[in-house]
Structure formats: C-alpha cells, structure tokens
C-alpha cells in the first residue's frame, strides 16, 4: 500500500477507503493501483510513500557461442 497526505481544508469522507473520514494533514494508506488517482490532485493530496511495486526481475545471462 502507498501513502498519501490529505492537504485539503476540511475533513472528507473517502468512499474508496470504506467511507473513512480523513482529516486535513492526515496520512492514509491507499491501494498501490490507485496511488496515481490521488497524487494527480495536488490541491487535495500529496505523496508520502510511493507504491513499492513488484520486485524487479533479473534477466538470466545468455551465453553466445562465437566462431573461435
């Protein structure tokens, strides 16, 4: 889960968070997949902790046979 801070002027009810009431300057956890939907509203939300995302995959090294 990612974290965002509510920077709006008054408390709001957020249906996506189970109709939870979020107070000004409160940090809340939001689903990683919805993080962009919050931080694209900079007058209401600011990023605190970005989504972790999947662990990076490491590619296996390929051996190429030469004409030696």
PDB file of N, CA and C in Angstrom:
ATOM      1  N   UNK A   1       0.833  -1.180   0.000  1.00  0.00           N
ATOM      2  CA  UNK A   1       0.000   0.000   0.000  1.00  0.00           C
ATOM      3  C   UNK A   1       0.881   1.248   0.000  1.00  0.00           C
ATOM      4  N   UNK A   2       0.442   2.246  -0.729  1.00  0.00           N
ATOM      5  CA  UNK A   2       1.138   3.527  -0.802  1.00  0.00           C
ATOM      6  C   UNK A   2       0.539   4.466   0.245  1.00  0.00           C
ATOM      7  N   UNK A   3       1.237   5.575   0.508  1.00  0.00           N
ATOM      8  CA  UNK A   3       0.735   6.544   1.483  1.00  0.00           C
ATOM      9  C   UNK A   3       0.638   7.926   0.852  1.00  0.00           C
ATOM     10  N   UNK A   4      -0.449   8.629   1.188  1.00  0.00           N
ATOM     11  CA  UNK A   4      -0.673   9.997   0.736  1.00  0.00           C
ATOM     12  C   UNK A   4      -1.138  10.837   1.923  1.00  0.00           C
ATOM     13  N   UNK A   5      -0.933  12.141   1.826  1.00  0.00           N
ATOM     14  CA  UNK A   5      -1.382  13.071   2.874  1.00  0.00           C
ATOM     15  C   UNK A   5      -2.502  13.928   2.294  1.00  0.00           C
ATOM     16  N   UNK A   6      -3.570  14.046   3.062  1.00  0.00           N
ATOM     17  CA  UNK A   6      -4.678  14.904   2.646  1.00  0.00           C
ATOM     18  C   UNK A   6      -4.330  16.331   3.029  1.00  0.00           C
ATOM     19  N   UNK A   7      -4.313  17.228   2.051  1.00  0.00           N
ATOM     20  CA  UNK A   7      -3.938  18.620   2.294  1.00  0.00           C
ATOM     21  C   UNK A   7      -5.112  19.578   2.058  1.00  0.00           C
ATOM     22  N   UNK A   8      -6.319  19.034   1.917  1.00  0.00           N
ATOM     23  CA  UNK A   8      -7.495  19.876   1.731  1.00  0.00           C
ATOM     24  C   UNK A   8      -7.837  20.633   3.013  1.00  0.00           C
ATOM     25  N   UNK A   9      -8.744  21.606   2.908  1.00  0.00           N
ATOM     26  CA  UNK A   9      -9.049  22.480   4.037  1.00  0.00           C
ATOM     27  C   UNK A   9      -9.991  21.892   5.096  1.00  0.00           C
ATOM     28  N   UNK A  10     -10.841  20.924   4.718  1.00  0.00           N
ATOM     29  CA  UNK A  10     -11.803  20.358   5.663  1.00  0.00           C
ATOM     30  C   UNK A  10     -11.793  18.838   5.559  1.00  0.00           C
ATOM     31  N   UNK A  11     -12.303  18.179   6.571  1.00  0.00           N
ATOM     32  CA  UNK A  11     -12.376  16.720   6.582  1.00  0.00           C
ATOM     33  C   UNK A  11     -13.244  16.231   5.425  1.00  0.00           C
ATOM     34  N   UNK A  12     -12.888  15.070   4.876  1.00  0.00           N
ATOM     35  CA  UNK A  12     -13.654  14.479   3.782  1.00  0.00           C
ATOM     36  C   UNK A  12     -13.900  13.004   4.063  1.00  0.00           C
ATOM     37  N   UNK A  13     -14.988  12.485   3.515  1.00  0.00           N
ATOM     38  CA  UNK A  13     -15.272  11.065   3.569  1.00  0.00           C
ATOM     39  C   UNK A  13     -14.790  10.467   2.255  1.00  0.00           C
ATOM     40  N   UNK A  14     -13.985   9.424   2.338  1.00  0.00           N
ATOM     41  CA  UNK A  14     -13.411   8.808   1.136  1.00  0.00           C
ATOM     42  C   UNK A  14     -14.048   7.429   0.946  1.00  0.00           C
ATOM     43  N   UNK A  15     -15.001   7.309   0.005  1.00  0.00           N
ATOM     44  CA  UNK A  15     -15.682   6.033  -0.208  1.00  0.00           C
ATOM     45  C   UNK A  15     -14.738   4.869  -0.494  1.00  0.00           C
ATOM     46  N   UNK A  16     -13.689   5.135  -1.249  1.00  0.00           N
ATOM     47  CA  UNK A  16     -12.748   4.071  -1.615  1.00  0.00           C
ATOM     48  C   UNK A  16     -12.045   3.479  -0.390  1.00  0.00           C
ATOM     49  N   UNK A  17     -11.988   4.241   0.678  1.00  0.00           N
ATOM     50  CA  UNK A  17     -11.345   3.765   1.914  1.00  0.00           C
ATOM     51  C   UNK A  17     -12.393   3.341   2.935  1.00  0.00           C
ATOM     52  N   UNK A  18     -13.534   2.867   2.454  1.00  0.00           N
ATOM     53  CA  UNK A  18     -14.591   2.410   3.343  1.00  0.00           C
ATOM     54  C   UNK A  18     -15.351   3.561   3.976  1.00  0.00           C
ATOM     55  N   UNK A  19     -15.496   4.657   3.246  1.00  0.00           N
ATOM     56  CA  UNK A  19     -16.175   5.872   3.720  1.00  0.00           C
ATOM     57  C   UNK A  19     -15.506   6.433   4.975  1.00  0.00           C
ATOM     58  N   UNK A  20     -14.244   6.223   5.058  1.00  0.00           N
ATOM     59  CA  UNK A  20     -13.476   6.744   6.186  1.00  0.00           C
ATOM     60  C   UNK A  20     -13.396   8.265   6.098  1.00  0.00           C
ATOM     61  N   UNK A  21     -13.493   8.938   7.232  1.00  0.00           N
ATOM     62  CA  UNK A  21     -13.329  10.385   7.273  1.00  0.00           C
ATOM     63  C   UNK A  21     -11.843  10.681   7.448  1.00  0.00           C
ATOM     64  N   UNK A  22     -11.316  11.492   6.527  1.00  0.00           N
ATOM     65  CA  UNK A  22      -9.900  11.844   6.536  1.00  0.00           C
ATOM     66  C   UNK A  22      -9.791  13.323   6.913  1.00  0.00           C
ATOM     67  N   UNK A  23      -8.964  13.606   7.904  1.00  0.00           N
ATOM     68  CA  UNK A  23      -8.785  14.967   8.408  1.00  0.00           C
ATOM     69  C   UNK A  23      -7.652  15.672   7.643  1.00  0.00           C
ATOM     70  N   UNK A  24      -7.684  17.007   7.597  1.00  0.00           N
ATOM     71  CA  UNK A  24      -6.572  17.744   6.983  1.00  0.00           C
ATOM     72  C   UNK A  24      -5.240  17.366   7.625  1.00  0.00           C
ATOM     73  N   UNK A  25      -4.222  17.198   6.801  1.00  0.00           N
ATOM     74  CA  UNK A  25      -2.859  16.831   7.192  1.00  0.00           C
ATOM     75  C   UNK A  25      -2.727  15.384   7.660  1.00  0.00           C
ATOM     76  N   UNK A  26      -3.759  14.566   7.458  1.00  0.00           N
ATOM     77  CA  UNK A  26      -3.697  13.157   7.851  1.00  0.00           C
ATOM     78  C   UNK A  26      -3.080  12.322   6.736  1.00  0.00           C
ATOM     79  N   UNK A  27      -2.235  11.370   7.113  1.00  0.00           N
ATOM     80  CA  UNK A  27      -1.624  10.440   6.164  1.00  0.00           C
ATOM     81  C   UNK A  27      -2.449   9.154   6.174  1.00  0.00           C
ATOM     82  N   UNK A  28      -2.802   8.681   4.979  1.00  0.00           N
ATOM     83  CA  UNK A  28      -3.575   7.450   4.853  1.00  0.00           C
ATOM     84  C   UNK A  28      -2.912   6.524   3.850  1.00  0.00           C
ATOM     85  N   UNK A  29      -3.191   5.236   4.004  1.00  0.00           N
ATOM     86  CA  UNK A  29      -2.710   4.247   3.038  1.00  0.00           C
ATOM     87  C   UNK A  29      -3.776   4.056   1.973  1.00  0.00           C
ATOM     88  N   UNK A  30      -3.336   4.002   0.725  1.00  0.00           N
ATOM     89  CA  UNK A  30      -4.233   3.787  -0.408  1.00  0.00           C
ATOM     90  C   UNK A  30      -3.698   2.620  -1.227  1.00  0.00           C
ATOM     91  N   UNK A  31      -4.569   1.944  -1.956  1.00  0.00           N
ATOM     92  CA  UNK A  31      -4.104   0.839  -2.804  1.00  0.00           C
ATOM     93  C   UNK A  31      -3.061   1.330  -3.814  1.00  0.00           C
ATOM     94  N   UNK A  32      -2.020   0.548  -4.010  1.00  0.00           N
ATOM     95  CA  UNK A  32      -0.973   0.922  -4.959  1.00  0.00           C
ATOM     96  C   UNK A  32      -1.539   1.278  -6.328  1.00  0.00           C
ATOM     97  N   UNK A  33      -2.516   0.511  -6.774  1.00  0.00           N
ATOM     98  CA  UNK A  33      -3.084   0.729  -8.101  1.00  0.00           C
ATOM     99  C   UNK A  33      -3.842   2.051  -8.199  1.00  0.00           C
ATOM    100  N   UNK A  34      -4.207   2.662  -7.075  1.00  0.00           N
ATOM    101  CA  UNK A  34      -4.974   3.906  -7.074  1.00  0.00           C
ATOM    102  C   UNK A  34      -4.144   5.116  -6.677  1.00  0.00           C
ATOM    103  N   UNK A  35      -2.868   4.918  -6.365  1.00  0.00           N
ATOM    104  CA  UNK A  35      -1.976   5.992  -5.922  1.00  0.00           C
ATOM    105  C   UNK A  35      -1.988   7.179  -6.883  1.00  0.00           C
ATOM    106  N   UNK A  36      -1.858   6.913  -8.174  1.00  0.00           N
ATOM    107  CA  UNK A  36      -1.838   7.995  -9.170  1.00  0.00           C
ATOM    108  C   UNK A  36      -3.137   8.803  -9.163  1.00  0.00           C
ATOM    109  N   UNK A  37      -4.248   8.168  -8.849  1.00  0.00           N
ATOM    110  CA  UNK A  37      -5.524   8.854  -8.792  1.00  0.00           C
ATOM    111  C   UNK A  37      -5.608   9.862  -7.656  1.00  0.00           C
ATOM    112  N   UNK A  38      -4.806   9.666  -6.643  1.00  0.00           N
ATOM    113  CA  UNK A  38      -4.763  10.616  -5.530  1.00  0.00           C
ATOM    114  C   UNK A  38      -3.761  11.737  -5.816  1.00  0.00           C
ATOM    115  N   UNK A  39      -2.529  11.367  -6.151  1.00  0.00           N
ATOM    116  CA  UNK A  39      -1.493  12.395  -6.302  1.00  0.00           C
ATOM    117  C   UNK A  39      -1.661  13.263  -7.543  1.00  0.00           C
ATOM    118  N   UNK A  40      -2.572  12.895  -8.433  1.00  0.00           N
ATOM    119  CA  UNK A  40      -2.852  13.759  -9.586  1.00  0.00           C
ATOM    120  C   UNK A  40      -3.755  14.925  -9.172  1.00  0.00           C
ATOM    121  N   UNK A  41      -4.145  14.961  -7.907  1.00  0.00           N
ATOM    122  CA  UNK A  41      -4.971  16.036  -7.359  1.00  0.00           C
ATOM    123  C   UNK A  41      -4.155  16.806  -6.305  1.00  0.00           C
ATOM    124  N   UNK A  42      -3.154  17.568  -6.727  1.00  0.00           N
ATOM    125  CA  UNK A  42      -2.226  18.191  -5.771  1.00  0.00           C
ATOM    126  C   UNK A  42      -2.861  19.216  -4.836  1.00  0.00           C
ATOM    127  N   UNK A  43      -4.053  19.700  -5.136  1.00  0.00           N
ATOM    128  CA  UNK A  43      -4.706  20.619  -4.200  1.00  0.00           C
ATOM    129  C   UNK A  43      -5.366  19.871  -3.045  1.00  0.00           C
ATOM    130  N   UNK A  44      -5.474  18.533  -3.181  1.00  0.00           N
ATOM    131  CA  UNK A  44      -6.101  17.719  -2.137  1.00  0.00           C
ATOM    132  C   UNK A  44      -5.167  16.694  -1.503  1.00  0.00           C
ATOM    133  N   UNK A  45      -4.238  16.149  -2.294  1.00  0.00           N
ATOM    134  CA  UNK A  45      -3.400  15.054  -1.811  1.00  0.00           C
ATOM    135  C   UNK A  45      -1.946  15.293  -2.208  1.00  0.00           C
ATOM    136  N   UNK A  46      -1.032  14.874  -1.345  1.00  0.00           N
ATOM    137  CA  UNK A  46       0.384  14.924  -1.702  1.00  0.00           C
ATOM    138  C   UNK A  46       1.014  13.569  -1.410  1.00  0.00           C
ATOM    139  N   UNK A  47       2.000  13.179  -2.197  1.00  0.00           N
ATOM    140  CA  UNK A  47       2.634  11.878  -1.995  1.00  0.00           C
ATOM    141  C   UNK A  47       3.437  11.844  -0.703  1.00  0.00           C
ATOM    142  N   UNK A  48       3.413  10.695  -0.048  1.00  0.00           N
ATOM    143  CA  UNK A  48       4.224  10.462   1.148  1.00  0.00           C
ATOM    144  C   UNK A  48       5.140   9.276   0.889  1.00  0.00           C
ATOM    145  N   UNK A  49       4.548   8.176   0.425  1.00  0.00           N
ATOM    146  CA  UNK A  49       5.317   6.965   0.133  1.00  0.00           C
ATOM    147  C   UNK A  49       4.743   6.338  -1.131  1.00  0.00           C
ATOM    148  N   UNK A  50       5.572   6.241  -2.157  1.00  0.00           N
ATOM    149  CA  UNK A  50       5.125   5.693  -3.435  1.00  0.00           C
ATOM    150  C   UNK A  50       4.891   4.189  -3.332  1.00  0.00           C
ATOM    151  N   UNK A  51       4.111   3.648  -4.271  1.00  0.00           N
ATOM    152  CA  UNK A  51       3.891   2.205  -4.281  1.00  0.00           C
ATOM    153  C   UNK A  51       5.214   1.458  -4.404  1.00  0.00           C
ATOM    154  N   UNK A  52       5.301   0.334  -3.751  1.00  0.00           N
ATOM    155  CA  UNK A  52       6.516  -0.475  -3.816  1.00  0.00           C
ATOM    156  C   UNK A  52       6.641  -1.157  -5.170  1.00  0.00           C
ATOM    157  N   UNK A  53       5.520  -1.614  -5.699  1.00  0.00           N
ATOM    158  CA  UNK A  53       5.532  -2.288  -6.999  1.00  0.00           C
ATOM    159  C   UNK A  53       6.160  -3.664  -6.897  1.00  0.00           C
ATOM    160  N   UNK A  54       6.102  -4.408  -7.976  1.00  0.00           N
ATOM    161  CA  UNK A  54       6.699  -5.745  -7.964  1.00  0.00           C
ATOM    162  C   UNK A  54       8.222  -5.662  -7.920  1.00  0.00           C
ATOM    163  N   UNK A  55       8.825  -6.665  -7.362  1.00  0.00           N
ATOM    164  CA  UNK A  55      10.285  -6.712  -7.301  1.00  0.00           C
ATOM    165  C   UNK A  55      10.845  -6.782  -8.707  1.00  0.00           C
ATOM    166  N   UNK A  56      11.925  -6.054  -8.969  1.00  0.00           N
ATOM    167  CA  UNK A  56      12.493  -6.090 -10.320  1.00  0.00           C
ATOM    168  C   UNK A  56      12.983  -7.491 -10.677  1.00  0.00           C
ATOM    169  N   UNK A  57      12.745  -7.861 -11.923  1.00  0.00           N
ATOM    170  CA  UNK A  57      13.190  -9.177 -12.389  1.00  0.00           C
ATOM    171  C   UNK A  57      14.607  -9.064 -12.910  1.00  0.00           C
ATOM    172  N   UNK A  58      15.382 -10.074 -12.626  1.00  0.00           N
ATOM    173  CA  UNK A  58      16.749 -10.089 -13.152  1.00  0.00           C
ATOM    174  C   UNK A  58      16.781 -11.041 -14.333  1.00  0.00           C
ATOM    175  N   UNK A  59      17.357 -10.583 -15.401  1.00  0.00           N
ATOM    176  CA  UNK A  59      17.448 -11.409 -16.614  1.00  0.00           C
ATOM    177  C   UNK A  59      18.620 -12.365 -16.488  1.00  0.00           C
ATOM    178  N   UNK A  60      18.411 -13.555 -16.922  1.00  0.00           N
ATOM    179  CA  UNK A  60      19.483 -14.526 -16.922  1.00  0.00           C
ATOM    180  C   UNK A  60      20.478 -14.164 -18.022  1.00  0.00           C
ATOM    181  N   UNK A  61      21.741 -14.322 -17.731  1.00  0.00           N
ATOM    182  CA  UNK A  61      22.772 -14.006 -18.718  1.00  0.00           C
ATOM    183  C   UNK A  61      22.726 -15.060 -19.817  1.00  0.00           C
ATOM    184  N   UNK A  62      22.813 -14.611 -21.039  1.00  0.00           N
ATOM    185  CA  UNK A  62      22.830 -15.525 -22.177  1.00  0.00           C
ATOM    186  C   UNK A  62      24.254 -15.715 -22.634  1.00  0.00           C
ATOM    187  N   UNK A  63      24.570 -16.936 -22.940  1.00  0.00           N
ATOM    188  CA  UNK A  63      25.889 -17.232 -23.471  1.00  0.00           C
ATOM    189  C   UNK A  63      25.775 -17.342 -24.994  1.00  0.00           C
ATOM    190  N   UNK A  64      26.617 -16.607 -25.668  1.00  0.00           N
ATOM    191  CA  UNK A  64      26.602 -16.637 -27.117  1.00  0.00           C
ATOM    192  C   UNK A  64      27.886 -17.329 -27.575  1.00  0.00           C
ATOM    193  N   UNK A  65      27.714 -18.360 -28.385  1.00  0.00           N
ATOM    194  CA  UNK A  65      28.872 -19.079 -28.888  1.00  0.00           C
ATOM    195  C   UNK A  65      29.464 -18.329 -30.065  1.00  0.00           C
ATOM    196  N   UNK A  66      30.750 -18.124 -30.011  1.00  0.00           N
ATOM    197  CA  UNK A  66      31.427 -17.426 -31.092  1.00  0.00           C
ATOM    198  C   UNK A  66      32.036 -18.406 -32.092  1.00  0.00           C
ATOM    199  N   UNK A  67      32.637 -17.871 -33.138  1.00  0.00           N
ATOM    200  CA  UNK A  67      33.277 -18.710 -34.154  1.00  0.00           C
ATOM    201  C   UNK A  67      34.764 -18.817 -33.857  1.00  0.00           C
ATOM    202  N   UNK A  68      35.140 -19.038 -32.632  1.00  0.00           N
ATOM    203  CA  UNK A  68      36.571 -19.150 -32.276  1.00  0.00           C
ATOM    204  C   UNK A  68      37.103 -20.480 -32.523  1.00  0.00           C
TER     205      UNK A  68
END
